[in-house]
């Protein structure tokens, strides 16, 4: 995973990946000004654009061997190779990209899959999985034809495959239980949505919900994403605020109920 900021080009590599040891060896051998920090290596050499470009290319194609069609990330990184390079060593689980998929009915014959953010790997996977059921895409919404044969079998298979390469999918089914919640007030529906935001279900023990909140808040805290591009920072910041507000709403509801 490669990103740029105004101070450096950052390359994230898993601590247990085979490429990390090779990259560290390359940096030590070819860059005289490289500094090992607690969880990263900072390459500060000026005038070494050719070597830096080689390193960036190498890491990009090694990390994206299954999907190298979108070269915008690579082009942007190469355009900023005059900056220092930061090799960030992280746990392999931290490299997983999480995408929420909201499934909605559109009339009686179509379904919309709304992705929480654009991702070419996920989009191509969905298109390939649904084949003739696939209608098209607009921004982060994918349209599917639900009247074709075997459509629902594909839906269940899609929901069952929660991990695609380095992407973890989670699902929302807001319209499938519409009859069940039609009698609820707007406030009650909002409360249930808050539980969903915290990867919980209405009625879960508050202490369990609190643990999930703390885990998500730590994961999406804006301080974790210094050095990422602005759109990614905005996505995570927005998610962090939603998580915080959802927890406050549930906590308030629990307090009122206790009284």
C-alpha atoms as a PDB file:
ATOM      1  CA  UNK A   1       0.000   0.000   0.000  1.00  0.00           C
ATOM      2  CA  UNK A   2       1.539   3.262  -1.182  1.00  0.00           C
ATOM      3  CA  UNK A   3       0.474   6.796  -0.325  1.00  0.00           C
ATOM      4  CA  UNK A   4       1.918  10.297  -0.529  1.00  0.00           C
ATOM      5  CA  UNK A   5       1.873  13.432   1.580  1.00  0.00           C
ATOM      6  CA  UNK A   6       3.828  16.675   1.378  1.00  0.00           C
ATOM      7  CA  UNK A   7       6.652  15.210   3.490  1.00  0.00           C
ATOM      8  CA  UNK A   8       7.301  11.724   2.150  1.00  0.00           C
ATOM      9  CA  UNK A   9       6.133   8.746   0.107  1.00  0.00           C
ATOM     10  CA  UNK A  10       4.934   6.007   2.453  1.00  0.00           C
ATOM     11  CA  UNK A  11       5.060   2.293   1.674  1.00  0.00           C
ATOM     12  CA  UNK A  12       3.264  -0.014   4.099  1.00  0.00           C
ATOM     13  CA  UNK A  13       4.561  -3.568   4.308  1.00  0.00           C
ATOM     14  CA  UNK A  14       3.511  -6.388   6.614  1.00  0.00           C
ATOM     15  CA  UNK A  15       6.059  -7.388   9.243  1.00  0.00           C
ATOM     16  CA  UNK A  16       5.860 -11.036   8.194  1.00  0.00           C
ATOM     17  CA  UNK A  17       5.909 -10.470   4.427  1.00  0.00           C
ATOM     18  CA  UNK A  18       8.707 -11.896   2.292  1.00  0.00           C
ATOM     19  CA  UNK A  19       9.182  -8.632   0.450  1.00  0.00           C
ATOM     20  CA  UNK A  20       9.932  -6.644   3.629  1.00  0.00           C
ATOM     21  CA  UNK A  21      13.293  -8.290   4.289  1.00  0.00           C
ATOM     22  CA  UNK A  22      14.293  -7.773   0.649  1.00  0.00           C
ATOM     23  CA  UNK A  23      13.244  -4.113   0.752  1.00  0.00           C
ATOM     24  CA  UNK A  24      15.191  -3.483   3.964  1.00  0.00           C
ATOM     25  CA  UNK A  25      18.245  -5.168   2.467  1.00  0.00           C
ATOM     26  CA  UNK A  26      17.914  -3.050  -0.694  1.00  0.00           C
ATOM     27  CA  UNK A  27      17.592   0.153   1.329  1.00  0.00           C
ATOM     28  CA  UNK A  28      20.651  -0.647   3.425  1.00  0.00           C
ATOM     29  CA  UNK A  29      22.724  -1.578   0.391  1.00  0.00           C
ATOM     30  CA  UNK A  30      21.778   1.227  -2.008  1.00  0.00           C
ATOM     31  CA  UNK A  31      20.923   4.233   0.187  1.00  0.00           C
ATOM     32  CA  UNK A  32      23.603   5.725   2.410  1.00  0.00           C
ATOM     33  CA  UNK A  33      21.113   7.911   4.268  1.00  0.00           C
ATOM     34  CA  UNK A  34      18.549   5.485   5.660  1.00  0.00           C
ATOM     35  CA  UNK A  35      17.467   5.468   9.286  1.00  0.00           C
ATOM     36  CA  UNK A  36      15.808   2.620  11.182  1.00  0.00           C
ATOM     37  CA  UNK A  37      13.131   3.845  13.575  1.00  0.00           C
ATOM     38  CA  UNK A  38      10.948   1.784  15.899  1.00  0.00           C
ATOM     39  CA  UNK A  39       8.481   0.676  13.228  1.00  0.00           C
ATOM     40  CA  UNK A  40       9.793   2.190  10.008  1.00  0.00           C
ATOM     41  CA  UNK A  41      12.800   2.971   7.851  1.00  0.00           C
ATOM     42  CA  UNK A  42      13.225   6.508   6.532  1.00  0.00           C
ATOM     43  CA  UNK A  43      15.230   6.937   3.323  1.00  0.00           C
ATOM     44  CA  UNK A  44      16.427  10.529   3.038  1.00  0.00           C
ATOM     45  CA  UNK A  45      18.864  10.350   0.121  1.00  0.00           C
ATOM     46  CA  UNK A  46      18.614  13.264  -2.299  1.00  0.00           C
ATOM     47  CA  UNK A  47      19.432  12.857  -5.961  1.00  0.00           C
ATOM     48  CA  UNK A  48      18.613   9.145  -5.922  1.00  0.00           C
ATOM     49  CA  UNK A  49      15.405   9.314  -7.953  1.00  0.00           C
ATOM     50  CA  UNK A  50      16.302   6.331 -10.145  1.00  0.00           C
ATOM     51  CA  UNK A  51      16.825   4.050  -7.154  1.00  0.00           C
ATOM     52  CA  UNK A  52      13.729   5.383  -5.428  1.00  0.00           C
ATOM     53  CA  UNK A  53      11.643   4.853  -8.563  1.00  0.00           C
ATOM     54  CA  UNK A  54      12.877   1.276  -8.758  1.00  0.00           C
ATOM     55  CA  UNK A  55      11.953   0.680  -5.113  1.00  0.00           C
ATOM     56  CA  UNK A  56       8.488   2.222  -5.502  1.00  0.00           C
ATOM     57  CA  UNK A  57       7.783   0.221  -8.685  1.00  0.00           C
ATOM     58  CA  UNK A  58       8.977  -2.974  -7.052  1.00  0.00           C
ATOM     59  CA  UNK A  59       6.829  -2.543  -3.938  1.00  0.00           C
ATOM     60  CA  UNK A  60       3.759  -1.487  -5.907  1.00  0.00           C
ATOM     61  CA  UNK A  61       3.752  -4.474  -8.246  1.00  0.00           C
ATOM     62  CA  UNK A  62       4.638  -6.935  -5.469  1.00  0.00           C
ATOM     63  CA  UNK A  63       1.783  -5.698  -3.283  1.00  0.00           C
ATOM     64  CA  UNK A  64      -0.713  -5.428  -6.163  1.00  0.00           C
ATOM     65  CA  UNK A  65       0.220  -8.465  -8.218  1.00  0.00           C
ATOM     66  CA  UNK A  66      -3.451  -9.344  -8.641  1.00  0.00           C
ATOM     67  CA  UNK A  67      -4.515  -5.857  -9.694  1.00  0.00           C
ATOM     68  CA  UNK A  68      -2.093  -3.606 -11.544  1.00  0.00           C
ATOM     69  CA  UNK A  69      -4.514  -2.015 -13.996  1.00  0.00           C
ATOM     70  CA  UNK A  70      -5.005   1.200 -12.030  1.00  0.00           C
ATOM     71  CA  UNK A  71      -1.658   2.990 -12.177  1.00  0.00           C
ATOM     72  CA  UNK A  72      -2.768   6.310 -10.680  1.00  0.00           C
ATOM     73  CA  UNK A  73      -1.343   5.416  -7.274  1.00  0.00           C
ATOM     74  CA  UNK A  74       1.954   4.381  -8.840  1.00  0.00           C
ATOM     75  CA  UNK A  75       2.140   7.457 -11.058  1.00  0.00           C
ATOM     76  CA  UNK A  76       1.489   9.736  -8.102  1.00  0.00           C
ATOM     77  CA  UNK A  77       4.164   8.032  -6.008  1.00  0.00           C
ATOM     78  CA  UNK A  78       6.739   8.238  -8.796  1.00  0.00           C
ATOM     79  CA  UNK A  79       5.929  11.915  -9.290  1.00  0.00           C
ATOM     80  CA  UNK A  80       6.826  12.471  -5.625  1.00  0.00           C
ATOM     81  CA  UNK A  81       9.958  10.307  -5.524  1.00  0.00           C
ATOM     82  CA  UNK A  82      12.050  13.416  -4.906  1.00  0.00           C
ATOM     83  CA  UNK A  83      10.680  13.263  -1.350  1.00  0.00           C
ATOM     84  CA  UNK A  84      12.003  10.926   1.347  1.00  0.00           C
ATOM     85  CA  UNK A  85      10.563   7.412   1.365  1.00  0.00           C
ATOM     86  CA  UNK A  86       9.119   5.958   4.558  1.00  0.00           C
ATOM     87  CA  UNK A  87       8.913   2.172   4.793  1.00  0.00           C
ATOM     88  CA  UNK A  88       6.204   1.558   7.401  1.00  0.00           C
ATOM     89  CA  UNK A  89       6.213  -1.909   8.988  1.00  0.00           C
ATOM     90  CA  UNK A  90       2.814  -2.991  10.270  1.00  0.00           C
ATOM     91  CA  UNK A  91       0.964  -6.136  11.284  1.00  0.00           C
ATOM     92  CA  UNK A  92      -0.413  -8.124   8.362  1.00  0.00           C
ATOM     93  CA  UNK A  93      -3.986  -7.691   9.636  1.00  0.00           C
ATOM     94  CA  UNK A  94      -3.589  -3.910   9.454  1.00  0.00           C
ATOM     95  CA  UNK A  95      -3.148  -4.157   5.687  1.00  0.00           C
ATOM     96  CA  UNK A  96      -6.699  -5.396   5.290  1.00  0.00           C
ATOM     97  CA  UNK A  97      -9.002  -2.815   3.744  1.00  0.00           C
ATOM     98  CA  UNK A  98     -12.525  -2.815   5.165  1.00  0.00           C
ATOM     99  CA  UNK A  99     -15.517  -1.991   2.984  1.00  0.00           C
ATOM    100  CA  UNK A 100     -19.155  -1.904   4.059  1.00  0.00           C
ATOM    101  CA  UNK A 101     -21.722  -3.043   1.485  1.00  0.00           C
ATOM    102  CA  UNK A 102     -25.313  -1.886   1.868  1.00  0.00           C
ATOM    103  CA  UNK A 103     -27.825  -4.097   0.031  1.00  0.00           C
ATOM    104  CA  UNK A 104     -31.101  -2.433  -0.994  1.00  0.00           C
ATOM    105  CA  UNK A 105     -34.059  -3.430  -3.124  1.00  0.00           C
ATOM    106  CA  UNK A 106     -35.014  -1.058  -5.938  1.00  0.00           C
ATOM    107  CA  UNK A 107     -38.587  -1.928  -6.857  1.00  0.00           C
ATOM    108  CA  UNK A 108     -39.169  -5.644  -7.378  1.00  0.00           C
ATOM    109  CA  UNK A 109     -36.540  -6.444  -9.963  1.00  0.00           C
ATOM    110  CA  UNK A 110     -33.339  -4.623  -9.054  1.00  0.00           C
ATOM    111  CA  UNK A 111     -30.859  -4.487  -6.212  1.00  0.00           C
ATOM    112  CA  UNK A 112     -28.343  -1.769  -5.357  1.00  0.00           C
ATOM    113  CA  UNK A 113     -25.027  -2.593  -3.693  1.00  0.00           C
ATOM    114  CA  UNK A 114     -23.629   0.599  -2.157  1.00  0.00           C
ATOM    115  CA  UNK A 115     -19.931   0.412  -1.276  1.00  0.00           C
ATOM    116  CA  UNK A 116     -18.654   2.589   1.563  1.00  0.00           C
ATOM    117  CA  UNK A 117     -15.782   3.582  -0.749  1.00  0.00           C
ATOM    118  CA  UNK A 118     -14.632   2.880  -4.290  1.00  0.00           C
ATOM    119  CA  UNK A 119     -12.346  -0.114  -4.780  1.00  0.00           C
ATOM    120  CA  UNK A 120     -11.488  -1.553  -8.187  1.00  0.00           C
ATOM    121  CA  UNK A 121     -10.761  -5.053  -6.890  1.00  0.00           C
ATOM    122  CA  UNK A 122     -14.130  -5.304  -5.125  1.00  0.00           C
ATOM    123  CA  UNK A 123     -15.967  -3.783  -8.094  1.00  0.00           C
ATOM    124  CA  UNK A 124     -14.442  -6.202 -10.624  1.00  0.00           C
ATOM    125  CA  UNK A 125     -15.057  -9.134  -8.285  1.00  0.00           C
ATOM    126  CA  UNK A 126     -18.753  -8.231  -7.968  1.00  0.00           C
ATOM    127  CA  UNK A 127     -19.099  -7.741 -11.722  1.00  0.00           C
ATOM    128  CA  UNK A 128     -17.492 -11.118 -12.423  1.00  0.00           C
ATOM    129  CA  UNK A 129     -19.513 -12.925  -9.737  1.00  0.00           C
ATOM    130  CA  UNK A 130     -22.910 -11.671 -10.901  1.00  0.00           C
ATOM    131  CA  UNK A 131     -22.173 -11.854 -14.629  1.00  0.00           C
ATOM    132  CA  UNK A 132     -25.409 -11.345 -16.580  1.00  0.00           C
ATOM    133  CA  UNK A 133     -27.105 -10.006 -13.447  1.00  0.00           C
ATOM    134  CA  UNK A 134     -24.797  -6.987 -13.520  1.00  0.00           C
ATOM    135  CA  UNK A 135     -26.454  -3.854 -14.987  1.00  0.00           C
ATOM    136  CA  UNK A 136     -23.934  -1.113 -14.340  1.00  0.00           C
ATOM    137  CA  UNK A 137     -22.344   1.212 -11.814  1.00  0.00           C
ATOM    138  CA  UNK A 138     -22.699   4.871 -10.819  1.00  0.00           C
ATOM    139  CA  UNK A 139     -20.092   6.274  -8.428  1.00  0.00           C
ATOM    140  CA  UNK A 140     -20.059   3.741  -5.558  1.00  0.00           C
ATOM    141  CA  UNK A 141     -23.432   2.133  -6.380  1.00  0.00           C
ATOM    142  CA  UNK A 142     -23.616  -1.162  -8.287  1.00  0.00           C
ATOM    143  CA  UNK A 143     -26.946  -2.104  -9.938  1.00  0.00           C
ATOM    144  CA  UNK A 144     -28.004  -5.730 -10.316  1.00  0.00           C
ATOM    145  CA  UNK A 145     -30.971  -7.408 -12.047  1.00  0.00           C
ATOM    146  CA  UNK A 146     -32.684  -9.667  -9.497  1.00  0.00           C
ATOM    147  CA  UNK A 147     -35.152 -11.482 -11.776  1.00  0.00           C
ATOM    148  CA  UNK A 148     -32.555 -13.549 -13.643  1.00  0.00           C
ATOM    149  CA  UNK A 149     -32.169 -17.249 -12.891  1.00  0.00           C
ATOM    150  CA  UNK A 150     -29.887 -18.206  -9.986  1.00  0.00           C
ATOM    151  CA  UNK A 151     -29.572 -14.574  -8.874  1.00  0.00           C
ATOM    152  CA  UNK A 152     -30.264 -15.240  -5.186  1.00  0.00           C
ATOM    153  CA  UNK A 153     -27.821 -18.136  -5.122  1.00  0.00           C
ATOM    154  CA  UNK A 154     -25.168 -15.669  -6.268  1.00  0.00           C
ATOM    155  CA  UNK A 155     -26.219 -13.193  -3.586  1.00  0.00           C
ATOM    156  CA  UNK A 156     -25.786 -15.798  -0.840  1.00  0.00           C
ATOM    157  CA  UNK A 157     -22.442 -16.851  -2.270  1.00  0.00           C
ATOM    158  CA  UNK A 158     -21.346 -13.197  -2.380  1.00  0.00           C
ATOM    159  CA  UNK A 159     -22.349 -12.615   1.257  1.00  0.00           C
ATOM    160  CA  UNK A 160     -20.478 -15.758   2.273  1.00  0.00           C
ATOM    161  CA  UNK A 161     -17.217 -14.551   0.713  1.00  0.00           C
ATOM    162  CA  UNK A 162     -16.311 -11.854   3.221  1.00  0.00           C
ATOM    163  CA  UNK A 163     -12.612 -11.674   2.272  1.00  0.00           C
ATOM    164  CA  UNK A 164     -11.431 -10.783  -1.247  1.00  0.00           C
ATOM    165  CA  UNK A 165      -7.640 -10.617  -1.490  1.00  0.00           C
ATOM    166  CA  UNK A 166      -6.824  -7.916   1.128  1.00  0.00           C
ATOM    167  CA  UNK A 167     -10.410  -6.611   1.378  1.00  0.00           C
ATOM    168  CA  UNK A 168     -12.833  -7.487   4.180  1.00  0.00           C
ATOM    169  CA  UNK A 169     -16.520  -6.963   3.401  1.00  0.00           C
ATOM    170  CA  UNK A 170     -19.296  -6.343   5.922  1.00  0.00           C
ATOM    171  CA  UNK A 171     -22.958  -6.151   4.946  1.00  0.00           C
ATOM    172  CA  UNK A 172     -26.080  -4.163   5.767  1.00  0.00           C
ATOM    173  CA  UNK A 173     -29.538  -5.370   4.721  1.00  0.00           C
ATOM    174  CA  UNK A 174     -31.701  -2.356   5.531  1.00  0.00           C
ATOM    175  CA  UNK A 175     -34.588  -3.149   3.180  1.00  0.00           C
ATOM    176  CA  UNK A 176     -34.858  -6.907   3.680  1.00  0.00           C
ATOM    177  CA  UNK A 177     -36.394  -6.584   7.146  1.00  0.00           C
ATOM    178  CA  UNK A 178     -38.548  -3.556   6.338  1.00  0.00           C
ATOM    179  CA  UNK A 179     -41.778  -5.302   7.377  1.00  0.00           C
ATOM    180  CA  UNK A 180     -40.246  -6.255  10.688  1.00  0.00           C
ATOM    181  CA  UNK A 181     -39.310  -2.674  11.642  1.00  0.00           C
ATOM    182  CA  UNK A 182     -42.130  -0.781   9.911  1.00  0.00           C
ATOM    183  CA  UNK A 183     -43.879  -0.248  13.243  1.00  0.00           C
ATOM    184  CA  UNK A 184     -40.837   1.427  14.824  1.00  0.00           C
ATOM    185  CA  UNK A 185     -40.568   5.165  15.374  1.00  0.00           C
ATOM    186  CA  UNK A 186     -37.891   7.182  13.582  1.00  0.00           C
ATOM    187  CA  UNK A 187     -35.954   7.385  16.864  1.00  0.00           C
ATOM    188  CA  UNK A 188     -36.088   3.608  17.340  1.00  0.00           C
ATOM    189  CA  UNK A 189     -34.916   2.999  13.765  1.00  0.00           C
ATOM    190  CA  UNK A 190     -32.035   5.444  14.303  1.00  0.00           C
ATOM    191  CA  UNK A 191     -31.016   3.576  17.466  1.00  0.00           C
ATOM    192  CA  UNK A 192     -30.894   0.274  15.587  1.00  0.00           C
ATOM    193  CA  UNK A 193     -28.785   1.907  12.902  1.00  0.00           C
ATOM    194  CA  UNK A 194     -26.366   3.040  15.620  1.00  0.00           C
ATOM    195  CA  UNK A 195     -25.965  -0.565  16.742  1.00  0.00           C
ATOM    196  CA  UNK A 196     -25.230  -1.572  13.132  1.00  0.00           C
ATOM    197  CA  UNK A 197     -22.538   1.126  12.844  1.00  0.00           C
ATOM    198  CA  UNK A 198     -20.813  -0.441  15.857  1.00  0.00           C
ATOM    199  CA  UNK A 199     -21.000  -3.928  14.276  1.00  0.00           C
ATOM    200  CA  UNK A 200     -23.654  -4.890  16.829  1.00  0.00           C
ATOM    201  CA  UNK A 201     -27.286  -5.893  16.964  1.00  0.00           C
ATOM    202  CA  UNK A 202     -30.046  -4.213  18.914  1.00  0.00           C
ATOM    203  CA  UNK A 203     -30.290  -5.845  22.322  1.00  0.00           C
ATOM    204  CA  UNK A 204     -26.584  -6.735  22.605  1.00  0.00           C
ATOM    205  CA  UNK A 205     -25.099  -6.272  26.076  1.00  0.00           C
ATOM    206  CA  UNK A 206     -23.933  -2.671  26.508  1.00  0.00           C
ATOM    207  CA  UNK A 207     -20.479  -3.676  27.759  1.00  0.00           C
ATOM    208  CA  UNK A 208     -19.979  -5.765  24.613  1.00  0.00           C
ATOM    209  CA  UNK A 209     -21.110  -2.848  22.444  1.00  0.00           C
ATOM    210  CA  UNK A 210     -18.702  -0.593  24.346  1.00  0.00           C
ATOM    211  CA  UNK A 211     -15.780  -2.934  23.616  1.00  0.00           C
ATOM    212  CA  UNK A 212     -16.647  -2.915  19.918  1.00  0.00           C
ATOM    213  CA  UNK A 213     -16.894   0.877  19.992  1.00  0.00           C
ATOM    214  CA  UNK A 214     -13.453   1.253  21.601  1.00  0.00           C
ATOM    215  CA  UNK A 215     -11.949  -1.125  19.034  1.00  0.00           C
ATOM    216  CA  UNK A 216     -13.510   0.743  16.087  1.00  0.00           C
ATOM    217  CA  UNK A 217     -12.666   4.179  17.526  1.00  0.00           C
ATOM    218  CA  UNK A 218      -9.033   3.139  17.902  1.00  0.00           C
ATOM    219  CA  UNK A 219      -8.979   1.695  14.394  1.00  0.00           C
ATOM    220  CA  UNK A 220     -10.481   4.758  12.688  1.00  0.00           C
ATOM    221  CA  UNK A 221      -8.975   7.528  14.826  1.00  0.00           C
ATOM    222  CA  UNK A 222      -7.669  10.276  12.478  1.00  0.00           C
ATOM    223  CA  UNK A 223      -4.249  10.252  14.165  1.00  0.00           C
ATOM    224  CA  UNK A 224      -3.639   6.806  12.667  1.00  0.00           C
ATOM    225  CA  UNK A 225      -3.771   8.108   9.114  1.00  0.00           C
ATOM    226  CA  UNK A 226      -1.214  10.903   9.100  1.00  0.00           C
ATOM    227  CA  UNK A 227       0.507  10.833   5.752  1.00  0.00           C
ATOM    228  CA  UNK A 228      -2.397   9.297   3.824  1.00  0.00           C
ATOM    229  CA  UNK A 229      -3.969  11.179   0.924  1.00  0.00           C
ATOM    230  CA  UNK A 230      -6.692  13.707   1.755  1.00  0.00           C
ATOM    231  CA  UNK A 231      -9.617  11.629   0.473  1.00  0.00           C
ATOM    232  CA  UNK A 232      -8.592   8.657   2.629  1.00  0.00           C
ATOM    233  CA  UNK A 233      -8.207  10.890   5.686  1.00  0.00           C
ATOM    234  CA  UNK A 234     -11.690  12.319   5.042  1.00  0.00           C
ATOM    235  CA  UNK A 235     -13.195   8.822   4.730  1.00  0.00           C
ATOM    236  CA  UNK A 236     -11.693   7.660   8.011  1.00  0.00           C
ATOM    237  CA  UNK A 237     -12.518  10.922   9.825  1.00  0.00           C
ATOM    238  CA  UNK A 238     -16.148  10.693   8.699  1.00  0.00           C
ATOM    239  CA  UNK A 239     -16.297   7.063   9.825  1.00  0.00           C
ATOM    240  CA  UNK A 240     -14.746   7.995  13.199  1.00  0.00           C
ATOM    241  CA  UNK A 241     -17.380  10.694  13.799  1.00  0.00           C
ATOM    242  CA  UNK A 242     -20.202   8.278  12.907  1.00  0.00           C
ATOM    243  CA  UNK A 243     -18.816   5.694  15.324  1.00  0.00           C
ATOM    244  CA  UNK A 244     -18.524   8.278  18.110  1.00  0.00           C
ATOM    245  CA  UNK A 245     -22.034   9.644  17.575  1.00  0.00           C
ATOM    246  CA  UNK A 246     -23.516   6.142  17.410  1.00  0.00           C
ATOM    247  CA  UNK A 247     -21.925   5.223  20.735  1.00  0.00           C
ATOM    248  CA  UNK A 248     -23.178   8.439  22.371  1.00  0.00           C
ATOM    249  CA  UNK A 249     -26.717   7.698  21.168  1.00  0.00           C
ATOM    250  CA  UNK A 250     -26.649   4.129  22.496  1.00  0.00           C
ATOM    251  CA  UNK A 251     -25.101   5.225  25.785  1.00  0.00           C
ATOM    252  CA  UNK A 252     -27.796   7.876  26.238  1.00  0.00           C
ATOM    253  CA  UNK A 253     -30.537   5.340  25.449  1.00  0.00           C
ATOM    254  CA  UNK A 254     -29.057   2.906  27.999  1.00  0.00           C
ATOM    255  CA  UNK A 255     -28.984   5.681  30.624  1.00  0.00           C
ATOM    256  CA  UNK A 256     -32.614   6.635  29.979  1.00  0.00           C
ATOM    257  CA  UNK A 257     -33.663   2.976  30.117  1.00  0.00           C
ATOM    258  CA  UNK A 258     -31.832   2.496  33.426  1.00  0.00           C
ATOM    259  CA  UNK A 259     -33.709   5.425  34.960  1.00  0.00           C
END
